[in-house]
Protein backbone atom coordinates (compact mmCIF):
# COMPACT_ATOMS: atom_id res chain seq x y z
CA MET A 1 -56.77 -32.02 58.18
CA THR A 2 -54.13 -32.89 60.82
CA ALA A 3 -51.66 -35.62 61.99
CA GLU A 4 -51.94 -36.92 65.43
CA ILE A 5 -50.46 -39.90 67.01
CA ALA A 6 -50.34 -41.92 70.18
CA ILE A 7 -47.75 -44.27 71.18
CA LEU A 8 -48.19 -46.52 74.19
CA ASN A 9 -46.17 -49.11 76.19
CA LYS A 10 -46.80 -50.48 79.82
CA THR A 11 -45.27 -47.32 81.31
CA ALA A 12 -47.15 -44.62 79.46
CA VAL A 13 -48.88 -43.06 76.51
CA ALA A 14 -47.16 -40.23 74.48
CA LEU A 15 -49.50 -37.88 72.50
CA ALA A 16 -48.41 -35.51 69.72
CA THR A 17 -50.32 -33.43 67.24
CA ASP A 18 -49.57 -30.51 64.87
CA SER A 19 -51.21 -27.14 64.84
CA ALA A 20 -52.60 -26.81 61.26
CA VAL A 21 -56.26 -26.41 60.75
CA THR A 22 -57.84 -25.75 57.31
CA ILE A 23 -60.67 -23.22 56.91
CA THR A 24 -62.85 -23.31 53.93
CA THR A 25 -64.22 -19.92 52.70
CA GLN A 26 -65.93 -18.84 49.37
CA LYS A 27 -62.59 -18.01 47.86
CA GLY A 28 -61.06 -21.24 48.68
CA GLN A 29 -59.11 -22.81 51.62
CA LYS A 30 -56.88 -21.07 54.13
CA ILE A 31 -54.62 -23.00 56.61
CA PHE A 32 -53.58 -21.46 59.97
CA ASN A 33 -50.84 -23.03 62.07
CA THR A 34 -52.08 -22.12 65.46
CA ALA A 35 -54.87 -24.60 66.49
CA ASN A 36 -54.92 -26.36 69.68
CA LYS A 37 -55.76 -30.07 69.40
CA LEU A 38 -54.41 -31.58 72.47
CA PHE A 39 -55.73 -30.87 76.06
CA MET A 40 -56.00 -32.32 79.55
CA LEU A 41 -59.49 -33.56 80.13
CA SER A 42 -59.07 -33.75 83.86
CA LYS A 43 -56.82 -31.33 85.99
CA HIS A 44 -56.88 -34.20 88.72
CA HIS A 45 -56.44 -37.54 86.83
CA PRO A 46 -54.21 -39.04 84.00
CA ILE A 47 -56.68 -38.21 81.04
CA GLY A 48 -55.81 -36.38 77.81
CA ILE A 49 -58.03 -35.58 74.94
CA MET A 50 -56.87 -35.05 71.28
CA LEU A 51 -59.31 -33.61 68.45
CA TYR A 52 -58.95 -33.79 64.60
CA GLY A 53 -61.02 -32.86 61.64
CA ASN A 54 -63.29 -29.80 62.18
CA ALA A 55 -62.22 -27.21 64.57
CA ASP A 56 -65.59 -26.99 65.90
CA PHE A 57 -68.68 -29.17 66.72
CA MET A 58 -72.10 -27.92 65.49
CA GLY A 59 -70.76 -24.22 65.84
CA VAL A 60 -69.03 -24.52 69.08
CA PRO A 61 -65.10 -24.80 69.07
CA TRP A 62 -63.90 -27.94 70.45
CA GLU A 63 -61.61 -26.06 72.90
CA SER A 64 -64.45 -24.44 74.56
CA ILE A 65 -66.35 -27.81 74.83
CA VAL A 66 -63.39 -29.62 76.27
CA LYS A 67 -62.54 -26.82 79.07
CA ILE A 68 -66.26 -26.58 80.01
CA TYR A 69 -66.46 -30.32 80.37
CA ARG A 70 -63.22 -30.34 82.25
CA GLU A 71 -64.56 -27.75 84.86
CA GLN A 72 -67.71 -29.72 85.24
CA LEU A 73 -65.86 -32.87 85.80
CA GLY A 74 -63.68 -31.58 88.57
CA GLU A 75 -62.26 -34.16 90.76
CA LYS A 76 -64.65 -36.92 89.75
CA SER A 77 -63.09 -40.04 88.28
CA PHE A 78 -64.02 -43.46 86.76
CA ASN A 79 -62.88 -46.93 87.08
CA LYS A 80 -62.22 -47.56 83.49
CA LEU A 81 -61.21 -44.89 80.73
CA LYS A 82 -64.00 -45.87 78.54
CA GLN A 83 -66.37 -44.52 81.15
CA TYR A 84 -64.86 -40.94 80.53
CA GLN A 85 -65.85 -41.30 76.94
CA THR A 86 -69.34 -42.42 77.98
CA ASP A 87 -69.53 -39.32 80.46
CA PHE A 88 -68.21 -36.87 77.79
CA ILE A 89 -70.74 -37.97 75.34
CA LYS A 90 -73.57 -37.76 77.96
CA PHE A 91 -72.48 -34.16 78.67
CA LEU A 92 -72.58 -33.23 75.01
CA GLU A 93 -75.98 -34.66 74.70
CA THR A 94 -77.45 -33.00 77.82
CA SER A 95 -75.54 -29.63 77.66
CA ASN A 96 -78.26 -26.97 77.08
CA LEU A 97 -75.71 -24.41 77.12
CA LEU A 98 -73.74 -25.78 74.18
CA PHE A 99 -76.43 -27.45 72.11
CA PRO A 100 -79.83 -26.17 73.01
CA ASP A 101 -82.86 -27.54 71.24
CA ASP A 102 -82.84 -24.68 68.58
CA VAL A 103 -79.38 -25.52 67.65
CA GLN A 104 -80.00 -29.35 67.37
CA LEU A 105 -83.08 -28.29 65.08
CA THR A 106 -80.92 -25.99 62.88
CA TYR A 107 -78.34 -28.64 62.29
CA PHE A 108 -81.02 -31.21 61.44
CA GLU A 109 -82.40 -29.01 59.04
CA MET A 110 -78.82 -28.50 57.44
CA MET A 111 -78.34 -32.29 57.27
CA ILE A 112 -81.55 -32.76 55.39
CA TYR A 113 -81.13 -29.63 53.30
CA SER A 114 -77.69 -31.22 52.18
CA LEU A 115 -79.31 -34.59 51.37
CA PHE A 116 -82.24 -32.99 49.40
CA SER A 117 -79.83 -30.76 47.48
CA ASN A 118 -77.22 -33.28 46.61
CA PRO A 119 -77.89 -36.10 45.71
CA ILE A 120 -81.66 -36.06 45.33
CA LEU A 121 -82.36 -32.77 43.57
CA LYS A 122 -79.07 -33.06 41.49
CA GLU A 123 -79.89 -36.38 40.11
CA ILE A 124 -83.44 -35.48 39.49
CA ASN A 125 -82.24 -32.44 37.27
CA GLU A 126 -79.75 -34.62 35.57
CA HIS A 127 -82.36 -37.08 34.68
CA ILE A 128 -84.98 -34.57 33.41
CA GLU A 129 -82.11 -32.93 31.27
CA LYS A 130 -81.00 -36.09 29.80
CA ARG A 131 -84.64 -37.02 28.93
CA LEU A 132 -85.02 -33.44 27.45
CA ALA A 133 -81.70 -33.34 25.43
CA PRO A 134 -82.03 -34.13 21.73
CA SER A 135 -80.09 -36.83 20.07
CA PRO A 136 -79.09 -37.49 16.46
CA LYS A 137 -82.04 -39.93 15.86
CA LYS A 138 -84.98 -37.81 17.81
CA LYS A 139 -85.59 -34.30 18.89
CA GLY A 140 -85.91 -33.50 22.44
CA LYS A 141 -89.53 -33.80 24.06
CA GLY A 142 -91.17 -32.29 26.84
CA LEU A 143 -92.06 -34.38 29.93
CA ASN A 144 -95.36 -34.36 31.67
CA LYS A 145 -96.16 -34.31 35.23
CA LEU A 146 -96.51 -37.92 35.49
CA GLN A 147 -93.17 -38.71 33.89
CA ILE A 148 -91.38 -36.21 36.17
CA LYS A 149 -93.35 -37.84 39.17
CA ARG A 150 -91.83 -41.23 38.15
CA ILE A 151 -88.31 -39.89 37.96
CA ILE A 152 -88.52 -38.41 41.31
CA THR A 153 -90.00 -41.61 42.85
CA ALA A 154 -87.25 -43.70 41.39
CA ILE A 155 -84.53 -41.40 42.88
CA VAL A 156 -85.97 -41.21 46.14
CA ASN A 157 -86.67 -44.90 46.35
CA LYS A 158 -82.99 -45.46 45.56
CA GLN A 159 -81.84 -43.39 48.61
CA TYR A 160 -84.62 -44.62 50.85
CA THR A 161 -83.79 -48.35 50.07
CA TYR A 162 -80.18 -47.74 50.86
CA TRP A 163 -80.81 -46.21 54.22
CA LYS A 164 -83.57 -48.62 55.22
CA ASN A 165 -81.36 -51.65 54.70
CA LEU A 166 -78.56 -50.20 57.12
CA ASP A 167 -78.73 -51.15 60.82
CA PHE A 168 -80.00 -48.95 63.52
CA LEU A 169 -77.66 -47.28 66.00
CA PRO A 170 -77.82 -49.35 69.23
CA GLN A 171 -79.92 -46.66 71.15
CA TYR A 172 -82.61 -46.61 68.18
CA THR A 173 -85.27 -49.03 66.82
CA ILE A 174 -87.99 -48.73 64.34
CA LEU A 175 -90.38 -47.47 67.25
CA ASP A 176 -88.15 -44.50 67.21
CA VAL A 177 -89.00 -43.58 63.54
CA LEU A 178 -92.65 -43.78 64.31
CA LYS A 179 -92.08 -41.38 67.54
CA LEU A 180 -90.19 -38.94 65.94
CA LYS A 181 -92.29 -38.78 62.72
CA LYS A 182 -94.79 -36.26 64.18
CA LYS A 183 -92.26 -34.27 65.91
CA TYR A 184 -90.20 -33.64 62.80
CA ASN A 185 -92.65 -33.92 60.14
CA SER A 186 -93.44 -30.12 59.71
CA VAL A 187 -89.66 -29.23 59.51
CA ILE A 188 -88.91 -31.84 56.88
CA MET A 189 -91.89 -30.54 54.70
CA GLU A 190 -90.71 -27.06 55.12
CA VAL A 191 -87.24 -28.02 53.78
CA LYS A 192 -88.85 -30.09 51.10
CA ASP A 193 -90.79 -27.13 49.79
CA ARG A 194 -87.94 -24.89 49.96
CA ILE A 195 -85.67 -27.21 47.81
CA PHE A 196 -88.07 -29.10 45.38
CA GLN A 197 -90.66 -26.19 45.18
CA GLU A 198 -93.15 -27.36 42.59
CA LEU A 199 -91.85 -30.63 41.58
CA PRO A 200 -94.56 -33.26 41.74
CA PHE A 201 -94.24 -35.68 44.62
CA SER A 202 -96.60 -38.67 45.09
CA LYS A 203 -98.02 -39.12 48.79
CA ALA A 204 -96.11 -42.55 49.12
CA THR A 205 -92.86 -40.81 48.02
CA ILE A 206 -93.26 -38.02 50.74
CA ARG A 207 -93.83 -40.52 53.44
CA LYS A 208 -90.58 -42.17 52.30
CA LEU A 209 -88.86 -38.96 52.17
CA ILE A 210 -89.83 -38.04 55.72
CA GLU A 211 -88.53 -41.66 56.97
CA LEU A 212 -85.36 -41.23 55.02
CA CYS A 213 -84.65 -37.94 56.90
CA LEU A 214 -85.02 -39.67 60.26
CA TYR A 215 -82.82 -42.67 59.17
CA LEU A 216 -80.09 -40.14 58.56
CA CYS A 217 -79.89 -39.63 62.41
CA LEU A 218 -80.96 -43.07 63.48
CA LYS A 219 -79.12 -45.47 61.30
CA LYS A 220 -75.27 -46.47 60.86
CA GLY A 221 -74.58 -44.31 58.01
CA PHE A 222 -71.90 -41.71 58.41
CA SER A 223 -70.43 -38.78 56.66
CA LYS A 224 -66.62 -38.99 55.79
CA ASN A 225 -66.01 -35.58 56.98
CA ASN A 226 -67.00 -35.95 60.75
CA PRO A 227 -64.33 -34.72 63.37
CA GLY A 228 -62.65 -37.22 65.48
CA VAL A 229 -62.17 -37.29 69.30
CA VAL A 230 -59.28 -39.37 70.99
CA ILE A 231 -59.29 -39.92 74.56
CA ALA A 232 -56.14 -41.39 76.27
CA GLY A 233 -54.79 -42.34 79.71
CA PHE A 234 -55.91 -44.33 82.71
CA GLY A 235 -59.07 -44.96 84.81
CA LYS A 236 -58.64 -45.81 88.42
CA ASN A 237 -58.58 -49.43 87.58
CA ASN A 238 -56.46 -49.37 84.40
CA LEU A 239 -52.91 -50.57 85.13
CA PHE A 240 -51.93 -49.75 81.69
CA PRO A 241 -52.75 -47.05 79.27
CA VAL A 242 -55.82 -47.23 77.10
CA ILE A 243 -57.20 -45.03 74.14
CA VAL A 244 -60.64 -44.84 72.96
CA SER A 245 -62.08 -42.71 70.19
CA PHE A 246 -65.16 -41.86 68.26
CA LYS A 247 -66.38 -39.72 65.44
CA PRO A 248 -69.58 -37.53 66.39
CA GLU A 249 -71.81 -36.44 63.47
CA ILE A 250 -74.89 -34.65 64.96
CA ILE A 251 -76.78 -34.25 68.33
CA PHE A 252 -80.54 -35.01 67.49
CA ASN A 253 -83.32 -35.03 69.93
CA ASN A 254 -80.83 -34.94 72.67
CA THR A 255 -78.86 -37.92 71.61
CA MET A 256 -75.59 -38.04 69.84
CA LYS A 257 -75.01 -39.91 66.43
CA TYR A 258 -71.49 -40.95 66.38
CA GLU A 259 -69.29 -43.59 64.64
CA GLU A 260 -67.40 -45.91 66.80
CA GLU A 261 -65.42 -49.04 65.19
CA GLU A 262 -63.80 -51.94 66.71
CA ASP A 263 -60.49 -50.64 66.43
CA ASP A 264 -61.28 -47.49 68.12
CA PHE A 265 -60.52 -49.28 71.44
CA ILE A 266 -56.77 -49.51 72.01
CA GLU A 267 -55.59 -51.13 75.31
CA ILE A 268 -52.10 -52.26 76.40
CA GLY A 269 -52.09 -55.74 78.37
CA ASP A 270 -50.37 -58.95 78.95
CA LYS A 271 -50.57 -59.85 75.20
CA THR A 272 -49.74 -56.22 73.77
CA ASP A 273 -46.60 -54.51 75.18
CA ALA A 274 -46.75 -51.55 72.70
CA LEU A 275 -48.82 -49.87 70.08
CA ILE A 276 -48.49 -47.08 67.70
CA ALA A 277 -51.85 -45.54 66.85
CA PRO A 278 -51.90 -42.87 64.21
CA PHE A 279 -54.90 -40.56 63.61
CA ALA A 280 -56.18 -38.26 60.62
CA GLN A 281 -53.47 -38.36 58.02
CA ARG A 282 -51.86 -41.79 58.63
CA ASP A 283 -49.90 -42.65 55.52
CA GLU A 284 -46.49 -41.22 56.32
CA VAL A 285 -46.59 -43.16 59.67
CA ALA A 286 -47.48 -46.49 57.81
CA SER A 287 -44.70 -45.79 55.29
CA LEU A 288 -42.06 -45.50 58.08
CA MET A 289 -43.64 -48.56 59.94
CA ASN A 290 -44.02 -50.81 56.95
CA GLY A 291 -41.22 -49.92 54.75
CA ILE A 292 -43.47 -48.77 51.81
CA HIS A 293 -45.90 -46.01 51.39
CA PRO A 294 -49.47 -47.14 51.14
CA HIS A 295 -50.24 -45.19 47.80
CA PHE A 296 -47.14 -46.77 46.41
CA GLN A 297 -48.07 -50.30 47.52
CA ASN A 298 -51.68 -49.68 45.97
CA THR A 299 -50.34 -48.43 42.73
CA VAL A 300 -47.77 -51.49 42.41
CA THR A 301 -50.70 -53.91 43.25
CA ALA A 302 -53.02 -52.43 40.52
CA ILE A 303 -50.18 -52.27 38.11
CA ILE A 304 -49.23 -56.18 38.73
CA SER A 305 -52.92 -57.07 38.51
CA LYS A 306 -53.44 -55.32 35.25
CA THR A 307 -50.20 -56.67 33.86
CA LEU A 308 -51.17 -60.14 34.73
CA THR A 309 -54.66 -59.87 33.35
CA ARG A 310 -53.16 -58.77 30.03
CA LEU A 311 -50.54 -61.58 30.20
CA ILE A 312 -53.24 -64.31 30.95
CA LYS A 313 -55.35 -63.11 27.89
CA LYS A 314 -52.29 -62.90 25.59
CA ILE A 315 -51.25 -66.55 26.63
CA SER A 316 -54.76 -67.89 26.13
CA GLU A 317 -54.98 -66.37 22.75
CA GLU A 318 -51.55 -67.55 21.66
CA ALA A 319 -52.11 -71.24 23.11
CA THR A 320 -55.57 -71.78 21.56
CA GLY A 321 -54.96 -70.01 18.32
CA GLY A 322 -57.75 -67.52 19.10
CA LYS A 323 -60.46 -70.13 19.36
CA GLU A 324 -63.57 -69.94 21.50
CA PRO A 325 -64.55 -71.39 24.00
CA GLN A 326 -61.00 -72.51 24.61
CA ILE A 327 -59.82 -69.06 25.21
CA SER A 328 -62.34 -68.85 27.91
CA ASN A 329 -61.56 -72.08 29.66
CA LEU A 330 -57.91 -71.36 29.63
CA ASN A 331 -58.52 -67.88 31.01
CA LYS A 332 -60.30 -69.34 34.01
CA ILE A 333 -57.63 -72.10 34.70
CA LEU A 334 -54.79 -69.37 34.39
CA SER A 335 -56.49 -66.78 36.47
CA LYS A 336 -57.06 -69.09 39.26
CA ILE A 337 -53.46 -70.31 39.21
CA ILE A 338 -52.08 -66.68 38.92
CA SER A 339 -54.58 -65.50 41.76
CA GLU A 340 -53.10 -68.09 44.05
CA TYR A 341 -49.48 -67.13 43.35
CA GLN A 342 -50.21 -63.44 43.60
CA GLU A 343 -51.96 -63.95 47.00
CA ASN A 344 -48.94 -65.79 48.19
CA MET A 345 -46.52 -63.05 46.79
CA TRP A 346 -48.21 -60.53 48.89
CA LYS A 347 -48.34 -62.60 51.99
CA ASN A 348 -44.49 -63.06 51.67
CA ILE A 349 -44.15 -59.26 51.20
CA ASN A 350 -46.21 -58.38 54.11
CA ASP A 351 -44.39 -60.97 56.17
CA TYR A 352 -41.09 -59.42 55.19
CA SER A 353 -42.38 -56.01 55.94
CA PHE A 354 -43.49 -57.13 59.50
CA GLN A 355 -40.25 -58.99 60.24
CA LYS A 356 -37.89 -56.28 58.97
CA HIS A 357 -39.58 -53.04 59.86
CA VAL A 358 -42.64 -53.54 62.12
CA LYS A 359 -41.36 -56.03 64.64
CA PRO A 360 -38.11 -54.21 65.43
CA ILE A 361 -39.71 -51.04 65.97
CA MET A 362 -42.42 -52.31 68.12
CA SER A 363 -39.90 -54.33 70.25
CA ASN A 364 -37.93 -51.10 70.92
CA VAL A 365 -41.35 -49.14 71.82
CA GLY A 366 -42.16 -51.70 74.36
CA SER A 367 -39.07 -50.73 76.51
CA LEU A 368 -38.91 -46.92 75.70
CA PRO A 369 -38.79 -44.75 78.92
CA LYS A 370 -41.24 -41.72 78.92
CA ASP A 371 -38.84 -39.00 77.36
CA GLU A 372 -38.13 -41.33 74.47
CA LEU A 373 -41.84 -42.17 73.72
CA ALA A 374 -42.52 -38.35 73.62
CA LEU A 375 -39.60 -37.93 71.06
CA MET A 376 -40.74 -40.70 69.13
CA ALA A 377 -44.27 -39.18 68.83
CA GLU A 378 -42.92 -35.68 67.97
CA THR A 379 -40.78 -37.18 65.04
CA PHE A 380 -43.54 -38.96 63.36
CA ILE A 381 -45.51 -35.68 63.26
CA ASN A 382 -42.48 -33.77 62.08
CA LEU A 383 -41.91 -36.30 59.25
CA THR A 384 -45.51 -36.12 58.10
CA SER A 385 -45.26 -32.15 58.13
CA PHE A 386 -42.04 -32.38 56.34
CA LYS A 387 -43.46 -34.49 53.50
CA ARG A 388 -46.38 -32.38 53.20
CA ARG A 389 -44.05 -29.34 52.82
CA MET A 390 -42.01 -30.83 50.05
CA SER A 391 -45.16 -31.80 48.21
CA THR A 392 -47.38 -29.76 45.87
CA ASP A 393 -50.47 -30.39 47.95
CA LEU A 394 -51.72 -28.16 50.54
CA GLU A 395 -49.63 -28.15 53.78
CA THR A 396 -52.38 -29.57 55.86
CA VAL A 397 -49.90 -30.77 58.48
CA GLY A 398 -47.63 -28.12 60.14
CA GLY A 399 -47.07 -25.63 62.74
CA PRO A 400 -45.63 -26.08 66.22
CA ILE A 401 -46.24 -29.66 67.54
CA ASP A 402 -47.65 -30.26 71.09
CA VAL A 403 -46.53 -33.27 73.07
CA ALA A 404 -47.61 -34.70 76.24
CA VAL A 405 -46.91 -37.91 78.11
CA ILE A 406 -49.58 -39.36 80.35
CA SER A 407 -48.56 -42.09 83.04
CA LYS A 408 -50.29 -43.74 86.04
CA GLY A 409 -48.05 -41.93 88.63
CA ASP A 410 -47.08 -38.67 87.14
CA GLY A 411 -50.37 -37.87 85.35
CA PHE A 412 -50.64 -35.53 82.43
CA VAL A 413 -47.27 -34.02 81.76
CA TRP A 414 -46.50 -31.36 78.84
CA ILE A 415 -43.47 -32.09 77.08
CA LYS A 416 -44.04 -29.30 74.45
CA ARG A 417 -46.78 -26.69 74.44
CA LYS A 418 -47.35 -23.75 72.37
CA HIS A 419 -49.07 -20.50 73.58
CA TYR A 420 -50.41 -17.60 72.01
CA PHE A 421 -49.32 -15.42 74.73
CA LYS A 422 -45.97 -14.76 76.62
CA PRO A 423 -45.97 -17.23 79.58
CA GLU A 424 -43.86 -14.73 81.77
CA LEU A 425 -46.60 -11.98 81.51
CA ASN A 426 -49.46 -14.52 82.57
CA SER A 427 -48.57 -16.27 85.86
CA ASN A 428 -52.23 -16.38 86.59
CA PHE A 429 -52.87 -18.56 83.87
CA PHE A 430 -50.55 -21.33 85.00
CA LYS A 431 -51.95 -21.12 88.64
CA ASN A 432 -55.09 -22.43 87.20
CA TYR A 433 -53.20 -25.79 86.57
């Protein structure tokens, strides 16, 4: 994981990121504090990019991807910052150097291999073992081929129904499922035979399994472990800074499946003077901004809710002498009253948090000069890193902090930047910039 933040006002946007990257191996996890996650996206225009999550995308390091794109972009510019994201995604989809057809096919196979192994095969094995296990009242019995086929059909149907009910991504329709069936049918069947071996599948279940594999790439269902891409700065017609972000999952058939939510577009304007936007690990930023840690607030909410539920039950029992259905009726009345008071209580708490914590900070951010924006961004990352270091968890935030400020007039300016080499010995490197 990582911690990254963007702080915006009408003058500029400050970006800061740590240097920790977690590598998972067969022996466990190892953390390196040397990763680069903040880059210029253009050498000629005020655009920057931050990356979090995985250090690579489909086997290619993000650093290489960004620098190849930057070279290809050259002096080209766009009127709106959002257009840089569109162009960057198009570059990823069409770059045969980075993601040729065989690489796309390999990662598609990996995706369906993962689905077939867990949850489908895992659930099949669990159901079969449960049916075969003896109990105090009966001995374990064997399963015939038809019974096993029914178990498989039920489990595949569950996954199929879930994915079928999801919406298609904007660029796809049901017609794409029909078109791609022929192209990927043999690949899916090969992985199926490798994972499920001799397990019996009906023809109808196999057809659903094939469609299910295509739904993985064509519909709005996303993995929780996808990397994040944050692009910040100014298009030619953007007077104030803008941030766009998305989470890519896979490039499939030369189109990218990526997640983009409503709050992934952040823009300073007439109604918004300043914004603080954390990415990846956000809890410490939320704690400082709101005056209460999110985990603590969730715990308190759960404790209060549980306590009130017990209290309602106790009052109902005492007031009715333990008689039904009077207990049930009184429970409903008290639950409704308590729910309204509880909702009002949290509204007052959140209003207090906004007035006493969020509002004063944001009013100051709106008037901060560029150097103070940079200092504030660095401080947030430092606080998150310090908290992780003092906890018993893995130090997933740490290492040197890279900080940059992007403004309309000055462009992309490094405030702090680590190097893996001695700058005085590499003057040619800096001439490139």
